[in-house]
Amino acid sequence: MNKDCIIRYLKNYKKAFIVVSHDREFINHVAKEVYEIEYNTLNKYSGNYDEYLIEKETITGKEFMDIFHEVTKAEDKAGEALAEECFEE
């Protein structure tokens, strides 16, 4: 049985199945949802593997920006406290 036959079969398969593969093209053809286990949490993404990567990158970028803003706020508060301490009379 070749890969194309397996792809056609799985595309028409009505029940759930798990694919473990390094063949990204194969996964893109058969996946309708991608599940990821990260930090002991199961995350679900709709779409194939490429769509998962795009959504994951978007989420990761947003999380980075949220952390960046929190750090910036903390640095601003620390700077304000230092300025008050230095210029207090």
PDB file of N, CA and C in Angstrom:
ATOM      1  N   MET A   1       0.859  -1.174   0.000  1.00  0.00           N
ATOM      2  CA  MET A   1       0.000   0.000   0.000  1.00  0.00           C
ATOM      3  C   MET A   1       0.905   1.237   0.000  1.00  0.00           C
ATOM      4  N   ASN A   2       0.695   2.152  -0.932  1.00  0.00           N
ATOM      5  CA  ASN A   2       1.527   3.354  -0.977  1.00  0.00           C
ATOM      6  C   ASN A   2       0.880   4.503  -0.197  1.00  0.00           C
ATOM      7  N   LYS A   3       1.644   5.579  -0.058  1.00  0.00           N
ATOM      8  CA  LYS A   3       1.208   6.722   0.753  1.00  0.00           C
ATOM      9  C   LYS A   3      -0.080   7.339   0.224  1.00  0.00           C
ATOM     10  N   ASP A   4      -0.237   7.447  -1.078  1.00  0.00           N
ATOM     11  CA  ASP A   4      -1.454   8.049  -1.645  1.00  0.00           C
ATOM     12  C   ASP A   4      -2.701   7.254  -1.282  1.00  0.00           C
ATOM     13  N   CYS A   5      -2.594   5.923  -1.280  1.00  0.00           N
ATOM     14  CA  CYS A   5      -3.731   5.081  -0.894  1.00  0.00           C
ATOM     15  C   CYS A   5      -4.089   5.301   0.570  1.00  0.00           C
ATOM     16  N   ILE A   6      -3.068   5.405   1.418  1.00  0.00           N
ATOM     17  CA  ILE A   6      -3.311   5.632   2.846  1.00  0.00           C
ATOM     18  C   ILE A   6      -3.955   7.002   3.056  1.00  0.00           C
ATOM     19  N   ILE A   7      -3.487   8.008   2.338  1.00  0.00           N
ATOM     20  CA  ILE A   7      -4.068   9.359   2.448  1.00  0.00           C
ATOM     21  C   ILE A   7      -5.531   9.332   2.049  1.00  0.00           C
ATOM     22  N   ARG A   8      -5.851   8.715   0.910  1.00  0.00           N
ATOM     23  CA  ARG A   8      -7.251   8.640   0.457  1.00  0.00           C
ATOM     24  C   ARG A   8      -8.110   7.905   1.484  1.00  0.00           C
ATOM     25  N   TYR A   9      -7.582   6.827   2.023  1.00  0.00           N
ATOM     26  CA  TYR A   9      -8.330   6.054   3.013  1.00  0.00           C
ATOM     27  C   TYR A   9      -8.602   6.893   4.258  1.00  0.00           C
ATOM     28  N   LEU A  10      -7.575   7.543   4.788  1.00  0.00           N
ATOM     29  CA  LEU A  10      -7.738   8.315   6.020  1.00  0.00           C
ATOM     30  C   LEU A  10      -8.604   9.556   5.819  1.00  0.00           C
ATOM     31  N   LYS A  11      -8.558  10.165   4.646  1.00  0.00           N
ATOM     32  CA  LYS A  11      -9.415  11.334   4.389  1.00  0.00           C
ATOM     33  C   LYS A  11     -10.888  10.953   4.447  1.00  0.00           C
ATOM     34  N   ASN A  12     -11.204   9.723   4.083  1.00  0.00           N
ATOM     35  CA  ASN A  12     -12.598   9.265   4.073  1.00  0.00           C
ATOM     36  C   ASN A  12     -12.978   8.516   5.349  1.00  0.00           C
ATOM     37  N   TYR A  13     -12.026   8.284   6.232  1.00  0.00           N
ATOM     38  CA  TYR A  13     -12.277   7.555   7.475  1.00  0.00           C
ATOM     39  C   TYR A  13     -13.091   8.436   8.405  1.00  0.00           C
ATOM     40  N   LYS A  14     -14.177   7.908   8.932  1.00  0.00           N
ATOM     41  CA  LYS A  14     -15.125   8.717   9.713  1.00  0.00           C
ATOM     42  C   LYS A  14     -14.844   8.740  11.212  1.00  0.00           C
ATOM     43  N   LYS A  15     -13.958   7.885  11.670  1.00  0.00           N
ATOM     44  CA  LYS A  15     -13.684   7.831  13.109  1.00  0.00           C
ATOM     45  C   LYS A  15     -12.367   8.535  13.413  1.00  0.00           C
ATOM     46  N   ALA A  16     -12.098   8.711  14.694  1.00  0.00           N
ATOM     47  CA  ALA A  16     -10.858   9.365  15.119  1.00  0.00           C
ATOM     48  C   ALA A  16      -9.676   8.423  14.922  1.00  0.00           C
ATOM     49  N   PHE A  17      -8.520   9.003  14.645  1.00  0.00           N
ATOM     50  CA  PHE A  17      -7.286   8.237  14.555  1.00  0.00           C
ATOM     51  C   PHE A  17      -6.123   9.137  14.933  1.00  0.00           C
ATOM     52  N   ILE A  18      -5.037   8.520  15.349  1.00  0.00           N
ATOM     53  CA  ILE A  18      -3.839   9.256  15.747  1.00  0.00           C
ATOM     54  C   ILE A  18      -2.746   8.978  14.733  1.00  0.00           C
ATOM     55  N   VAL A  19      -2.069  10.040  14.322  1.00  0.00           N
ATOM     56  CA  VAL A  19      -0.959   9.906  13.385  1.00  0.00           C
ATOM     57  C   VAL A  19       0.312  10.376  14.087  1.00  0.00           C
ATOM     58  N   VAL A  20       1.319   9.548  14.056  1.00  0.00           N
ATOM     59  CA  VAL A  20       2.643   9.931  14.523  1.00  0.00           C
ATOM     60  C   VAL A  20       3.553   9.800  13.321  1.00  0.00           C
ATOM     61  N   SER A  21       4.051  10.929  12.835  1.00  0.00           N
ATOM     62  CA  SER A  21       4.839  10.903  11.607  1.00  0.00           C
ATOM     63  C   SER A  21       5.750  12.114  11.536  1.00  0.00           C
ATOM     64  N   HIS A  22       6.849  11.950  10.837  1.00  0.00           N
ATOM     65  CA  HIS A  22       7.737  13.075  10.545  1.00  0.00           C
ATOM     66  C   HIS A  22       7.475  13.616   9.150  1.00  0.00           C
ATOM     67  N   ASP A  23       6.539  13.004   8.441  1.00  0.00           N
ATOM     68  CA  ASP A  23       6.211  13.406   7.070  1.00  0.00           C
ATOM     69  C   ASP A  23       5.155  14.503   7.109  1.00  0.00           C
ATOM     70  N   ARG A  24       5.623  15.730   7.042  1.00  0.00           N
ATOM     71  CA  ARG A  24       4.734  16.890   7.165  1.00  0.00           C
ATOM     72  C   ARG A  24       3.683  16.928   6.067  1.00  0.00           C
ATOM     73  N   GLU A  25       4.049  16.578   4.861  1.00  0.00           N
ATOM     74  CA  GLU A  25       3.098  16.554   3.741  1.00  0.00           C
ATOM     75  C   GLU A  25       1.968  15.572   4.028  1.00  0.00           C
ATOM     76  N   PHE A  26       2.319  14.403   4.543  1.00  0.00           N
ATOM     77  CA  PHE A  26       1.323  13.391   4.886  1.00  0.00           C
ATOM     78  C   PHE A  26       0.377  13.922   5.956  1.00  0.00           C
ATOM     79  N   ILE A  27       0.932  14.511   7.007  1.00  0.00           N
ATOM     80  CA  ILE A  27       0.102  15.049   8.088  1.00  0.00           C
ATOM     81  C   ILE A  27      -0.821  16.144   7.555  1.00  0.00           C
ATOM     82  N   ASN A  28      -0.298  17.013   6.688  1.00  0.00           N
ATOM     83  CA  ASN A  28      -1.124  18.082   6.124  1.00  0.00           C
ATOM     84  C   ASN A  28      -2.303  17.532   5.337  1.00  0.00           C
ATOM     85  N   HIS A  29      -2.120  16.398   4.695  1.00  0.00           N
ATOM     86  CA  HIS A  29      -3.211  15.813   3.910  1.00  0.00           C
ATOM     87  C   HIS A  29      -4.290  15.170   4.769  1.00  0.00           C
ATOM     88  N   VAL A  30      -3.920  14.601   5.904  1.00  0.00           N
ATOM     89  CA  VAL A  30      -4.900  13.820   6.664  1.00  0.00           C
ATOM     90  C   VAL A  30      -5.403  14.499   7.941  1.00  0.00           C
ATOM     91  N   ALA A  31      -4.680  15.473   8.464  1.00  0.00           N
ATOM     92  CA  ALA A  31      -5.078  16.080   9.740  1.00  0.00           C
ATOM     93  C   ALA A  31      -6.158  17.132   9.548  1.00  0.00           C
ATOM     94  N   LYS A  32      -7.168  17.061  10.410  1.00  0.00           N
ATOM     95  CA  LYS A  32      -8.203  18.099  10.475  1.00  0.00           C
ATOM     96  C   LYS A  32      -8.093  18.869  11.786  1.00  0.00           C
ATOM     97  N   GLU A  33      -7.402  18.258  12.745  1.00  0.00           N
ATOM     98  CA  GLU A  33      -7.128  18.868  14.045  1.00  0.00           C
ATOM     99  C   GLU A  33      -5.749  18.409  14.494  1.00  0.00           C
ATOM    100  N   VAL A  34      -5.063  19.278  15.214  1.00  0.00           N
ATOM    101  CA  VAL A  34      -3.760  18.933  15.777  1.00  0.00           C
ATOM    102  C   VAL A  34      -3.845  19.147  17.281  1.00  0.00           C
ATOM    103  N   TYR A  35      -3.412  18.159  18.029  1.00  0.00           N
ATOM    104  CA  TYR A  35      -3.353  18.261  19.475  1.00  0.00           C
ATOM    105  C   TYR A  35      -1.894  18.323  19.889  1.00  0.00           C
ATOM    106  N   GLU A  36      -1.609  19.203  20.826  1.00  0.00           N
ATOM    107  CA  GLU A  36      -0.243  19.398  21.293  1.00  0.00           C
ATOM    108  C   GLU A  36      -0.242  19.312  22.811  1.00  0.00           C
ATOM    109  N   ILE A  37       0.735  18.597  23.351  1.00  0.00           N
ATOM    110  CA  ILE A  37       0.913  18.570  24.797  1.00  0.00           C
ATOM    111  C   ILE A  37       2.106  19.458  25.103  1.00  0.00           C
ATOM    112  N   GLU A  38       1.850  20.525  25.876  1.00  0.00           N
ATOM    113  CA  GLU A  38       2.902  21.474  26.228  1.00  0.00           C
ATOM    114  C   GLU A  38       2.711  21.886  27.680  1.00  0.00           C
ATOM    115  N   TYR A  39       3.767  21.743  28.459  1.00  0.00           N
ATOM    116  CA  TYR A  39       3.726  22.090  29.878  1.00  0.00           C
ATOM    117  C   TYR A  39       2.539  21.423  30.586  1.00  0.00           C
ATOM    118  N   ASN A  40       2.374  20.129  30.359  1.00  0.00           N
ATOM    119  CA  ASN A  40       1.318  19.324  30.977  1.00  0.00           C
ATOM    120  C   ASN A  40      -0.089  19.785  30.624  1.00  0.00           C
ATOM    121  N   THR A  41      -0.228  20.475  29.499  1.00  0.00           N
ATOM    122  CA  THR A  41      -1.526  20.950  29.049  1.00  0.00           C
ATOM    123  C   THR A  41      -1.773  20.457  27.628  1.00  0.00           C
ATOM    124  N   LEU A  42      -2.989  19.960  27.376  1.00  0.00           N
ATOM    125  CA  LEU A  42      -3.362  19.518  26.042  1.00  0.00           C
ATOM    126  C   LEU A  42      -4.018  20.685  25.311  1.00  0.00           C
ATOM    127  N   ASN A  43      -3.429  21.080  24.193  1.00  0.00           N
ATOM    128  CA  ASN A  43      -3.953  22.182  23.388  1.00  0.00           C
ATOM    129  C   ASN A  43      -4.478  21.631  22.067  1.00  0.00           C
ATOM    130  N   LYS A  44      -5.636  22.124  21.636  1.00  0.00           N
ATOM    131  CA  LYS A  44      -6.260  21.680  20.389  1.00  0.00           C
ATOM    132  C   LYS A  44      -6.229  22.817  19.371  1.00  0.00           C
ATOM    133  N   TYR A  45      -5.844  22.481  18.151  1.00  0.00           N
ATOM    134  CA  TYR A  45      -5.807  23.441  17.055  1.00  0.00           C
ATOM    135  C   TYR A  45      -6.600  22.865  15.893  1.00  0.00           C
ATOM    136  N   SER A  46      -7.446  23.663  15.287  1.00  0.00           N
ATOM    137  CA  SER A  46      -8.208  23.216  14.121  1.00  0.00           C
ATOM    138  C   SER A  46      -7.360  23.387  12.872  1.00  0.00           C
ATOM    139  N   GLY A  47      -7.476  22.442  11.967  1.00  0.00           N
ATOM    140  CA  GLY A  47      -6.762  22.533  10.696  1.00  0.00           C
ATOM    141  C   GLY A  47      -5.613  21.543  10.609  1.00  0.00           C
ATOM    142  N   ASN A  48      -4.864  21.652   9.517  1.00  0.00           N
ATOM    143  CA  ASN A  48      -3.743  20.736   9.299  1.00  0.00           C
ATOM    144  C   ASN A  48      -2.487  21.235  10.008  1.00  0.00           C
ATOM    145  N   TYR A  49      -1.371  20.593   9.747  1.00  0.00           N
ATOM    146  CA  TYR A  49      -0.135  20.917  10.470  1.00  0.00           C
ATOM    147  C   TYR A  49       0.364  22.328  10.157  1.00  0.00           C
ATOM    148  N   ASP A  50       0.310  22.732   8.894  1.00  0.00           N
ATOM    149  CA  ASP A  50       0.754  24.088   8.535  1.00  0.00           C
ATOM    150  C   ASP A  50      -0.105  25.149   9.219  1.00  0.00           C
ATOM    151  N   GLU A  51      -1.412  24.914   9.280  1.00  0.00           N
ATOM    152  CA  GLU A  51      -2.307  25.861   9.960  1.00  0.00           C
ATOM    153  C   GLU A  51      -2.015  25.901  11.462  1.00  0.00           C
ATOM    154  N   TYR A  52      -1.689  24.745  12.029  1.00  0.00           N
ATOM    155  CA  TYR A  52      -1.278  24.688  13.441  1.00  0.00           C
ATOM    156  C   TYR A  52      -0.048  25.555  13.677  1.00  0.00           C
ATOM    157  N   LEU A  53       0.959  25.437  12.794  1.00  0.00           N
ATOM    158  CA  LEU A  53       2.187  26.213  12.964  1.00  0.00           C
ATOM    159  C   LEU A  53       1.918  27.711  12.914  1.00  0.00           C
ATOM    160  N   ILE A  54       1.052  28.135  12.007  1.00  0.00           N
ATOM    161  CA  ILE A  54       0.710  29.562  11.879  1.00  0.00           C
ATOM    162  C   ILE A  54       0.001  30.041  13.153  1.00  0.00           C
ATOM    163  N   GLU A  55      -0.975  29.271  13.616  1.00  0.00           N
ATOM    164  CA  GLU A  55      -1.708  29.664  14.831  1.00  0.00           C
ATOM    165  C   GLU A  55      -0.786  29.647  16.045  1.00  0.00           C
ATOM    166  N   LYS A  56       0.074  28.649  16.128  1.00  0.00           N
ATOM    167  CA  LYS A  56       1.014  28.542  17.248  1.00  0.00           C
ATOM    168  C   LYS A  56       1.957  29.745  17.257  1.00  0.00           C
ATOM    169  N   GLU A  57       2.442  30.129  16.089  1.00  0.00           N
ATOM    170  CA  GLU A  57       3.337  31.287  15.995  1.00  0.00           C
ATOM    171  C   GLU A  57       2.616  32.558  16.424  1.00  0.00           C
ATOM    172  N   THR A  58       1.361  32.696  16.036  1.00  0.00           N
ATOM    173  CA  THR A  58       0.566  33.869  16.424  1.00  0.00           C
ATOM    174  C   THR A  58       0.384  33.904  17.930  1.00  0.00           C
ATOM    175  N   ILE A  59       0.034  32.768  18.527  1.00  0.00           N
ATOM    176  CA  ILE A  59      -0.172  32.703  19.971  1.00  0.00           C
ATOM    177  C   ILE A  59       1.138  32.975  20.699  1.00  0.00           C
ATOM    178  N   THR A  60       2.217  32.348  20.243  1.00  0.00           N
ATOM    179  CA  THR A  60       3.515  32.529  20.888  1.00  0.00           C
ATOM    180  C   THR A  60       3.948  33.987  20.809  1.00  0.00           C
ATOM    181  N   GLY A  61       3.727  34.625  19.665  1.00  0.00           N
ATOM    182  CA  GLY A  61       4.066  36.039  19.507  1.00  0.00           C
ATOM    183  C   GLY A  61       3.252  36.908  20.441  1.00  0.00           C
ATOM    184  N   LYS A  62       1.964  36.605  20.597  1.00  0.00           N
ATOM    185  CA  LYS A  62       1.111  37.372  21.504  1.00  0.00           C
ATOM    186  C   LYS A  62       1.567  37.182  22.945  1.00  0.00           C
ATOM    187  N   GLU A  63       1.873  35.925  23.325  1.00  0.00           N
ATOM    188  CA  GLU A  63       2.347  35.672  24.685  1.00  0.00           C
ATOM    189  C   GLU A  63       3.645  36.434  24.944  1.00  0.00           C
ATOM    190  N   PHE A  64       4.540  36.456  23.953  1.00  0.00           N
ATOM    191  CA  PHE A  64       5.795  37.194  24.098  1.00  0.00           C
ATOM    192  C   PHE A  64       5.517  38.671  24.332  1.00  0.00           C
ATOM    193  N   MET A  65       4.617  39.254  23.550  1.00  0.00           N
ATOM    194  CA  MET A  65       4.306  40.673  23.688  1.00  0.00           C
ATOM    195  C   MET A  65       3.653  40.958  25.044  1.00  0.00           C
ATOM    196  N   ASP A  66       2.795  40.052  25.526  1.00  0.00           N
ATOM    197  CA  ASP A  66       2.190  40.232  26.851  1.00  0.00           C
ATOM    198  C   ASP A  66       3.268  40.259  27.933  1.00  0.00           C
ATOM    199  N   ILE A  67       4.220  39.326  27.847  1.00  0.00           N
ATOM    200  CA  ILE A  67       5.314  39.279  28.818  1.00  0.00           C
ATOM    201  C   ILE A  67       6.181  40.526  28.699  1.00  0.00           C
ATOM    202  N   PHE A  68       6.470  40.948  27.477  1.00  0.00           N
ATOM    203  CA  PHE A  68       7.274  42.142  27.239  1.00  0.00           C
ATOM    204  C   PHE A  68       6.626  43.360  27.885  1.00  0.00           C
ATOM    205  N   HIS A  69       5.302  43.502  27.717  1.00  0.00           N
ATOM    206  CA  HIS A  69       4.596  44.647  28.304  1.00  0.00           C
ATOM    207  C   HIS A  69       4.618  44.585  29.834  1.00  0.00           C
ATOM    208  N   GLU A  70       4.474  43.411  30.410  1.00  0.00           N
ATOM    209  CA  GLU A  70       4.536  43.278  31.864  1.00  0.00           C
ATOM    210  C   GLU A  70       5.919  43.658  32.391  1.00  0.00           C
ATOM    211  N   VAL A  71       6.962  43.196  31.712  1.00  0.00           N
ATOM    212  CA  VAL A  71       8.327  43.535  32.131  1.00  0.00           C
ATOM    213  C   VAL A  71       8.560  45.033  32.005  1.00  0.00           C
ATOM    214  N   THR A  72       8.102  45.617  30.919  1.00  0.00           N
ATOM    215  CA  THR A  72       8.262  47.060  30.699  1.00  0.00           C
ATOM    216  C   THR A  72       7.552  47.847  31.795  1.00  0.00           C
ATOM    217  N   LYS A  73       6.340  47.438  32.158  1.00  0.00           N
ATOM    218  CA  LYS A  73       5.607  48.111  33.240  1.00  0.00           C
ATOM    219  C   LYS A  73       6.389  48.022  34.553  1.00  0.00           C
ATOM    220  N   ALA A  74       6.918  46.838  34.845  1.00  0.00           N
ATOM    221  CA  ALA A  74       7.682  46.651  36.083  1.00  0.00           C
ATOM    222  C   ALA A  74       8.938  47.521  36.074  1.00  0.00           C
ATOM    223  N   GLU A  75       9.612  47.606  34.927  1.00  0.00           N
ATOM    224  CA  GLU A  75      10.805  48.445  34.829  1.00  0.00           C
ATOM    225  C   GLU A  75      10.434  49.913  34.996  1.00  0.00           C
ATOM    226  N   ASP A  76       9.317  50.347  34.414  1.00  0.00           N
ATOM    227  CA  ASP A  76       8.869  51.733  34.559  1.00  0.00           C
ATOM    228  C   ASP A  76       8.587  52.060  36.024  1.00  0.00           C
ATOM    229  N   LYS A  77       7.925  51.163  36.733  1.00  0.00           N
ATOM    230  CA  LYS A  77       7.620  51.387  38.144  1.00  0.00           C
ATOM    231  C   LYS A  77       8.897  51.461  38.968  1.00  0.00           C
ATOM    232  N   ALA A  78       9.846  50.564  38.670  1.00  0.00           N
ATOM    233  CA  ALA A  78      11.119  50.579  39.396  1.00  0.00           C
ATOM    234  C   ALA A  78      11.870  51.877  39.118  1.00  0.00           C
ATOM    235  N   GLY A  79      11.843  52.350  37.871  1.00  0.00           N
ATOM    236  CA  GLY A  79      12.505  53.606  37.512  1.00  0.00           C
ATOM    237  C   GLY A  79      11.863  54.791  38.200  1.00  0.00           C
ATOM    238  N   GLU A  80      10.541  54.805  38.278  1.00  0.00           N
ATOM    239  CA  GLU A  80       9.834  55.883  38.951  1.00  0.00           C
ATOM    240  C   GLU A  80      10.174  55.902  40.439  1.00  0.00           C
ATOM    241  N   ALA A  81      10.215  54.714  41.051  1.00  0.00           N
ATOM    242  CA  ALA A  81      10.547  54.638  42.481  1.00  0.00           C
ATOM    243  C   ALA A  81      11.960  55.127  42.741  1.00  0.00           C
ATOM    244  N   LEU A  82      12.894  54.778  41.866  1.00  0.00           N
ATOM    245  CA  LEU A  82      14.282  55.224  42.007  1.00  0.00           C
ATOM    246  C   LEU A  82      14.367  56.721  41.831  1.00  0.00           C
ATOM    247  N   ALA A  83      13.638  57.282  40.867  1.00  0.00           N
ATOM    248  CA  ALA A  83      13.666  58.721  40.630  1.00  0.00           C
ATOM    249  C   ALA A  83      13.105  59.472  41.836  1.00  0.00           C
ATOM    250  N   GLU A  84      12.014  58.965  42.401  1.00  0.00           N
ATOM    251  CA  GLU A  84      11.443  59.594  43.583  1.00  0.00           C
ATOM    252  C   GLU A  84      12.419  59.571  44.737  1.00  0.00           C
ATOM    253  N   GLU A  85      13.084  58.444  44.913  1.00  0.00           N
ATOM    254  CA  GLU A  85      14.067  58.302  46.005  1.00  0.00           C
ATOM    255  C   GLU A  85      15.253  59.245  45.809  1.00  0.00           C
ATOM    256  N   CYS A  86      15.723  59.367  44.578  1.00  0.00           N
ATOM    257  CA  CYS A  86      16.894  60.189  44.288  1.00  0.00           C
ATOM    258  C   CYS A  86      16.612  61.686  44.394  1.00  0.00           C
ATOM    259  N   PHE A  87      15.406  62.087  44.046  1.00  0.00           N
ATOM    260  CA  PHE A  87      15.098  63.512  43.969  1.00  0.00           C
ATOM    261  C   PHE A  87      14.241  63.988  45.129  1.00  0.00           C
ATOM    262  N   GLU A  88      14.074  63.147  46.136  1.00  0.00           N
ATOM    263  CA  GLU A  88      13.311  63.509  47.321  1.00  0.00           C
ATOM    264  C   GLU A  88      14.109  64.490  48.175  1.00  0.00           C
ATOM    265  N   GLU A  89      13.461  65.433  48.708  1.00  0.00           N
ATOM    266  CA  GLU A  89      14.142  66.358  49.624  1.00  0.00           C
ATOM    267  C   GLU A  89      13.302  66.624  50.809  1.00  0.00           C
TER     268      GLU A  89
END
